[in-house]
Amino acid sequence: MIKGTLADRARLLEEQRVPFVIATVVGARRPTSVRLGDSAVVLGDGTIEGFVGGVCAESSVRLYSLRVLETGEPLLLRLLPGDGSDSAIGPGDAVEGAVVEHNPCLSGGALEIFLEPQLPLARIVIVGSSPIAAALEKLSGAAGYDVVRGEAEQVEVVADDAAVVVASHGNQEERVLSEALAAGVPYVALVASTIRGAAVRAALEVPEELRAQLHTPAGLAIGARTPVEIAVSILAELVAEHHAHPGPRGPSAAVAADPVCGMALAVTDATPQLELAGERVYFCSDRCREQYAQQHAGHGG
């Protein structure tokens, strides 16, 4: 469990809806500089805040943390010394739910680090104060969504919203729907009759292919009549669309190999690097970078 300033940092990231990974040392075999419970926060750009080992261990933590952000699944990372040539376990192999990496730069110790993704809840924007809007807000919250509800002039649509549902009458609904469709929100719906829905769709100031993505009348055809039943039908359609088109959780990190020790590395601005003869080379640590620079002295660009 993270504590102190690191816990404060994690809370701030959650409030800002920034995805990150909590890395916690859950196993350590000496010699090693870390203790059980040492932890760090890893951001999507590869930045590591906290301490879970030296720079070589950090390189593996960075690489697999970015993969965890991409998949959304937690991971137990086992870091073993050596190059793995004397082991039946290969680099990246899964063993009992863990991933094993042989790190030739480790000083003889071994580490187990649990990587836990902290992803913001999918956000639903609901426009309107109707009974249907109120029921949908309650049901969506119970389903685990982050729900924002307000009138059209109060809400702000952002590209990573999971859904925008307009359940009002007039009052800038066309603007909100157009903004949501243009932003690429996966599920955009209008609670309206077939006739009114068609009229609103035709009035939207977006290309025809985007207009076609508007769900109206909103919800699955389940014979819903009451506001709560209609809200259930909308949430069911929303959930189906969300799982059918979840979109990437995080960017896929490019991977490079350290030319000195052979470690697999995430290519980020936070990764030690060097530019020689117009080529950018990445390293697990400053030590490997300096060794490579000395070996290639006089060849720099």
Protein backbone atom coordinates (compact mmCIF):
# COMPACT_ATOMS: atom_id res chain seq x y z
CA MET A 1 0.00 0.00 0.00
CA ILE A 2 1.46 3.34 -1.01
CA LYS A 3 1.75 6.01 1.67
CA GLY A 4 2.70 9.63 2.25
CA THR A 5 3.49 11.91 -0.67
CA LEU A 6 3.22 9.03 -3.14
CA ALA A 7 -0.34 8.34 -1.99
CA ASP A 8 -1.12 12.05 -2.36
CA ARG A 9 0.31 11.95 -5.87
CA ALA A 10 -1.84 8.94 -6.75
CA ARG A 11 -4.98 10.67 -5.48
CA LEU A 12 -4.19 13.74 -7.59
CA LEU A 13 -3.71 11.60 -10.70
CA GLU A 14 -7.04 9.88 -10.03
CA GLU A 15 -8.78 13.24 -9.68
CA GLN A 16 -7.23 14.36 -12.98
CA ARG A 17 -8.27 11.09 -14.67
CA VAL A 18 -4.66 10.28 -15.56
CA PRO A 19 -3.91 6.54 -15.98
CA PHE A 20 -0.91 5.23 -14.05
CA VAL A 21 0.56 2.08 -12.53
CA ILE A 22 1.36 1.38 -8.89
CA ALA A 23 4.52 -0.75 -8.70
CA THR A 24 5.09 -2.45 -5.34
CA VAL A 25 8.00 -4.65 -4.24
CA VAL A 26 6.44 -7.86 -2.91
CA GLY A 27 9.55 -10.04 -2.93
CA ALA A 28 13.28 -9.35 -2.59
CA ARG A 29 16.34 -11.60 -2.36
CA ARG A 30 19.57 -9.95 -1.31
CA PRO A 31 21.82 -8.38 -2.31
CA THR A 32 19.36 -5.65 -3.24
CA SER A 33 18.80 -2.04 -2.24
CA VAL A 34 15.01 -2.29 -1.94
CA ARG A 35 12.75 -3.42 0.87
CA LEU A 36 9.42 -5.16 0.83
CA GLY A 37 6.69 -2.58 0.38
CA ASP A 38 8.82 -0.08 -1.52
CA SER A 39 6.66 1.40 -4.24
CA ALA A 40 6.49 3.79 -7.15
CA VAL A 41 4.00 5.41 -9.49
CA VAL A 42 4.66 4.89 -13.20
CA LEU A 43 3.10 7.30 -15.69
CA GLY A 44 2.17 6.74 -19.30
CA ASP A 45 5.25 8.62 -20.53
CA GLY A 46 7.54 6.21 -18.65
CA THR A 47 8.25 8.54 -15.75
CA ILE A 48 8.81 6.66 -12.47
CA GLU A 49 8.08 8.46 -9.20
CA GLY A 50 9.22 6.52 -6.14
CA PHE A 51 11.72 3.68 -5.67
CA VAL A 52 11.46 0.02 -6.64
CA GLY A 53 15.12 -0.69 -7.40
CA GLY A 54 18.11 0.66 -9.26
CA VAL A 55 18.10 1.98 -12.79
CA CYS A 56 18.35 -1.49 -14.35
CA ALA A 57 15.33 -2.72 -12.43
CA GLU A 58 13.54 0.51 -13.31
CA SER A 59 14.01 -0.21 -17.01
CA SER A 60 12.09 -3.48 -16.73
CA VAL A 61 9.46 -1.89 -14.48
CA ARG A 62 8.99 0.90 -17.03
CA LEU A 63 8.60 -1.52 -19.95
CA TYR A 64 6.08 -3.79 -18.26
CA SER A 65 4.18 -0.94 -16.62
CA LEU A 66 3.47 0.51 -20.05
CA ARG A 67 2.28 -2.90 -21.19
CA VAL A 68 0.03 -3.11 -18.13
CA LEU A 69 -1.46 0.28 -19.01
CA GLU A 70 -2.13 -1.00 -22.51
CA THR A 71 -3.84 -4.24 -21.42
CA GLY A 72 -5.48 -2.98 -18.22
CA GLU A 73 -4.45 -6.21 -16.45
CA PRO A 74 -2.19 -6.44 -13.35
CA LEU A 75 1.10 -8.30 -13.57
CA LEU A 76 3.68 -9.83 -11.25
CA LEU A 77 7.15 -9.05 -12.61
CA ARG A 78 10.02 -11.30 -11.50
CA LEU A 79 13.50 -9.90 -12.08
CA LEU A 80 16.32 -12.44 -11.89
CA PRO A 81 20.07 -11.80 -12.25
CA GLY A 82 22.07 -13.00 -15.23
CA ASP A 83 21.25 -13.36 -18.90
CA GLY A 84 19.10 -16.47 -18.49
CA SER A 85 21.50 -18.70 -20.41
CA ASP A 86 21.62 -21.15 -17.50
CA SER A 87 17.87 -21.15 -16.91
CA ALA A 88 15.01 -23.10 -18.45
CA ILE A 89 12.92 -19.92 -18.14
CA GLY A 90 13.29 -17.55 -21.05
CA PRO A 91 12.90 -13.74 -21.05
CA GLY A 92 9.28 -12.68 -20.83
CA ASP A 93 8.07 -16.21 -20.04
CA ALA A 94 4.96 -16.52 -17.88
CA VAL A 95 5.42 -18.64 -14.77
CA GLU A 96 2.49 -19.15 -12.39
CA GLY A 97 0.87 -15.89 -13.44
CA ALA A 98 4.13 -13.94 -13.42
CA VAL A 99 6.44 -12.65 -16.13
CA VAL A 100 10.12 -13.46 -15.68
CA GLU A 101 12.88 -11.16 -16.93
CA HIS A 102 16.58 -11.95 -16.64
CA ASN A 103 18.47 -8.75 -15.95
CA PRO A 104 22.24 -8.99 -16.58
CA CYS A 105 22.80 -5.71 -14.76
CA LEU A 106 21.32 -6.80 -11.41
CA SER A 107 23.90 -7.14 -8.63
CA GLY A 108 23.04 -10.75 -7.79
CA GLY A 109 19.72 -10.18 -6.06
CA ALA A 110 16.21 -10.90 -7.29
CA LEU A 111 12.98 -8.91 -7.14
CA GLU A 112 9.26 -9.50 -7.43
CA ILE A 113 7.29 -6.37 -8.27
CA PHE A 114 3.51 -6.25 -8.54
CA LEU A 115 2.28 -3.88 -11.24
CA GLU A 116 -1.29 -2.69 -10.77
CA PRO A 117 -2.92 -0.42 -13.38
CA GLN A 118 -4.99 2.48 -12.09
CA LEU A 119 -7.31 3.44 -14.93
CA PRO A 120 -9.98 6.13 -14.73
CA LEU A 121 -13.56 4.89 -14.76
CA ALA A 122 -15.27 5.17 -18.11
CA ARG A 123 -17.18 8.47 -18.07
CA ILE A 124 -20.78 8.95 -19.17
CA VAL A 125 -22.17 12.42 -19.83
CA ILE A 126 -25.94 12.70 -19.41
CA VAL A 127 -27.70 15.85 -20.56
CA GLY A 128 -31.08 16.71 -19.09
CA SER A 129 -33.15 16.78 -15.91
CA SER A 130 -35.90 14.42 -17.06
CA PRO A 131 -36.89 11.32 -15.06
CA ILE A 132 -35.12 9.20 -17.69
CA ALA A 133 -31.90 11.19 -17.21
CA ALA A 134 -32.13 10.83 -13.43
CA ALA A 135 -32.76 7.09 -13.65
CA LEU A 136 -29.90 6.61 -16.12
CA GLU A 137 -27.54 8.52 -13.82
CA LYS A 138 -28.38 6.24 -10.90
CA LEU A 139 -28.15 3.01 -12.90
CA SER A 140 -24.88 4.02 -14.61
CA GLY A 141 -23.27 4.83 -11.28
CA ALA A 142 -24.30 1.44 -9.91
CA ALA A 143 -22.77 -0.18 -13.02
CA GLY A 144 -19.39 1.35 -12.21
CA TYR A 145 -19.29 4.32 -14.54
CA ASP A 146 -18.17 7.84 -13.69
CA VAL A 147 -21.31 9.87 -14.37
CA VAL A 148 -21.65 13.58 -15.10
CA ARG A 149 -25.16 15.00 -15.48
CA GLY A 150 -26.24 18.54 -16.25
CA GLU A 151 -27.93 20.76 -18.76
CA ALA A 152 -26.41 21.24 -22.21
CA GLU A 153 -24.76 24.54 -21.31
CA GLN A 154 -23.17 22.99 -18.21
CA VAL A 155 -21.52 19.85 -19.57
CA GLU A 156 -18.26 19.55 -21.46
CA VAL A 157 -17.65 16.70 -23.87
CA VAL A 158 -14.12 15.28 -24.13
CA ALA A 159 -12.71 12.73 -26.55
CA ASP A 160 -12.18 9.99 -23.96
CA ASP A 161 -15.80 9.98 -22.78
CA ALA A 162 -17.38 6.54 -23.11
CA ALA A 163 -20.83 7.90 -23.87
CA VAL A 164 -22.95 11.02 -24.25
CA VAL A 165 -26.71 10.65 -23.79
CA VAL A 166 -29.03 13.59 -24.38
CA ALA A 167 -32.34 13.22 -22.55
CA SER A 168 -33.62 16.78 -22.74
CA HIS A 169 -35.85 18.75 -25.10
CA GLY A 170 -34.17 21.39 -27.23
CA ASN A 171 -31.76 23.69 -25.37
CA GLN A 172 -28.53 23.17 -27.35
CA GLU A 173 -28.96 19.42 -27.73
CA GLU A 174 -27.81 19.57 -31.36
CA ARG A 175 -24.57 21.31 -30.33
CA VAL A 176 -23.78 18.69 -27.68
CA LEU A 177 -24.54 15.80 -30.03
CA SER A 178 -22.43 17.31 -32.81
CA GLU A 179 -19.50 17.87 -30.45
CA ALA A 180 -19.71 14.31 -29.15
CA LEU A 181 -19.83 12.77 -32.62
CA ALA A 182 -16.99 14.97 -33.87
CA ALA A 183 -14.88 14.04 -30.83
CA GLY A 184 -15.27 10.34 -31.61
CA VAL A 185 -17.22 9.42 -28.47
CA PRO A 186 -18.09 5.70 -28.96
CA TYR A 187 -21.74 5.92 -27.90
CA VAL A 188 -23.82 9.02 -28.62
CA ALA A 189 -27.57 8.79 -28.09
CA LEU A 190 -30.67 10.96 -28.14
CA VAL A 191 -33.79 10.09 -26.16
CA ALA A 192 -36.54 11.00 -28.61
CA SER A 193 -39.30 9.63 -30.77
CA THR A 194 -38.42 8.28 -34.19
CA ILE A 195 -39.76 11.42 -35.88
CA ARG A 196 -38.00 13.91 -33.61
CA GLY A 197 -34.82 11.86 -33.64
CA ALA A 198 -34.72 11.93 -37.44
CA ALA A 199 -35.24 15.70 -37.46
CA VAL A 200 -32.44 16.29 -34.95
CA ARG A 201 -30.11 13.94 -36.83
CA ALA A 202 -30.69 15.87 -40.06
CA ALA A 203 -29.89 19.15 -38.31
CA LEU A 204 -26.54 18.06 -36.86
CA GLU A 205 -23.58 20.01 -38.23
CA VAL A 206 -21.36 16.99 -38.86
CA PRO A 207 -20.67 14.81 -41.93
CA GLU A 208 -23.29 12.24 -42.87
CA GLU A 209 -21.12 9.31 -41.74
CA LEU A 210 -21.04 10.78 -38.23
CA ARG A 211 -24.78 11.47 -38.21
CA ALA A 212 -25.32 7.78 -38.92
CA GLN A 213 -23.55 6.93 -35.65
CA LEU A 214 -26.20 8.66 -33.54
CA HIS A 215 -28.35 6.20 -31.58
CA THR A 216 -31.94 7.44 -31.68
CA PRO A 217 -34.35 6.41 -30.39
CA ALA A 218 -31.87 5.59 -27.62
CA GLY A 219 -31.83 2.13 -26.08
CA LEU A 220 -32.47 -1.46 -27.03
CA ALA A 221 -35.95 -2.52 -28.14
CA ILE A 222 -37.10 -4.30 -24.98
CA GLY A 223 -40.59 -2.84 -24.80
CA ALA A 224 -39.57 -0.32 -22.13
CA ARG A 225 -42.29 2.07 -20.97
CA THR A 226 -41.40 3.67 -17.63
CA PRO A 227 -38.44 6.06 -17.20
CA VAL A 228 -36.49 3.40 -15.30
CA GLU A 229 -37.18 0.75 -17.94
CA ILE A 230 -36.09 3.14 -20.69
CA ALA A 231 -32.94 3.93 -18.71
CA VAL A 232 -32.24 0.19 -18.42
CA SER A 233 -32.57 -0.19 -22.20
CA ILE A 234 -30.20 2.73 -22.79
CA LEU A 235 -27.62 1.41 -20.33
CA ALA A 236 -27.79 -2.05 -21.91
CA GLU A 237 -27.14 -0.59 -25.36
CA LEU A 238 -24.36 1.60 -23.97
CA VAL A 239 -22.63 -1.33 -22.24
CA ALA A 240 -22.83 -3.45 -25.39
CA GLU A 241 -21.30 -0.66 -27.46
CA HIS A 242 -18.64 0.05 -24.85
CA HIS A 243 -17.45 -3.56 -24.76
CA ALA A 244 -17.67 -3.96 -28.53
CA HIS A 245 -15.51 -0.89 -29.12
CA PRO A 246 -13.47 -0.29 -25.95
CA GLY A 247 -10.62 1.45 -27.75
CA PRO A 248 -6.97 1.24 -26.64
CA ARG A 249 -6.39 1.75 -22.92
CA GLY A 250 -2.97 3.22 -23.53
CA PRO A 251 -0.48 3.70 -26.35
CA SER A 252 1.68 0.74 -27.34
CA ALA A 253 5.22 1.42 -26.20
CA ALA A 254 7.96 0.97 -28.78
CA VAL A 255 10.64 -1.47 -27.62
CA ALA A 256 14.40 -1.34 -28.16
CA ALA A 257 17.31 -3.51 -27.01
CA ASP A 258 20.22 -2.17 -24.97
CA PRO A 259 23.24 -2.79 -27.28
CA VAL A 260 25.49 -3.40 -24.26
CA CYS A 261 23.54 -5.80 -22.03
CA GLY A 262 20.75 -6.85 -24.39
CA MET A 263 17.86 -5.83 -22.12
CA ALA A 264 14.50 -5.05 -23.67
CA LEU A 265 13.58 -1.40 -23.05
CA ALA A 266 10.57 0.85 -23.49
CA VAL A 267 11.37 3.71 -25.86
CA THR A 268 10.37 6.82 -23.90
CA ASP A 269 11.86 10.21 -23.10
CA ALA A 270 12.59 8.86 -19.60
CA THR A 271 14.78 6.03 -20.96
CA PRO A 272 18.56 6.72 -20.94
CA GLN A 273 19.59 7.40 -24.52
CA LEU A 274 22.37 8.61 -26.77
CA GLU A 275 22.49 9.90 -30.34
CA LEU A 276 25.43 8.75 -32.45
CA ALA A 277 25.87 9.27 -36.18
CA GLY A 278 22.26 10.43 -36.43
CA GLU A 279 20.90 7.32 -34.71
CA ARG A 280 19.25 7.34 -31.28
CA VAL A 281 20.25 4.40 -29.09
CA TYR A 282 18.52 3.42 -25.84
CA PHE A 283 20.02 1.91 -22.69
CA CYS A 284 18.94 0.37 -19.40
CA SER A 285 21.23 2.66 -17.39
CA ASP A 286 23.75 5.47 -17.56
CA ARG A 287 26.48 2.87 -17.01
CA CYS A 288 25.62 1.02 -20.21
CA ARG A 289 25.25 4.33 -22.05
CA GLU A 290 28.71 5.49 -20.93
CA GLN A 291 30.27 2.16 -21.84
CA TYR A 292 28.72 2.32 -25.31
CA ALA A 293 29.81 5.94 -25.75
CA GLN A 294 33.40 5.04 -24.88
CA GLN A 295 33.38 2.12 -27.30
CA HIS A 296 32.12 4.39 -30.08
CA ALA A 297 34.11 7.51 -29.27
CA GLY A 298 34.80 9.50 -32.42
CA HIS A 299 31.75 8.13 -34.23
CA GLY A 300 29.21 10.61 -32.82
CA GLY A 301 27.02 12.81 -35.01
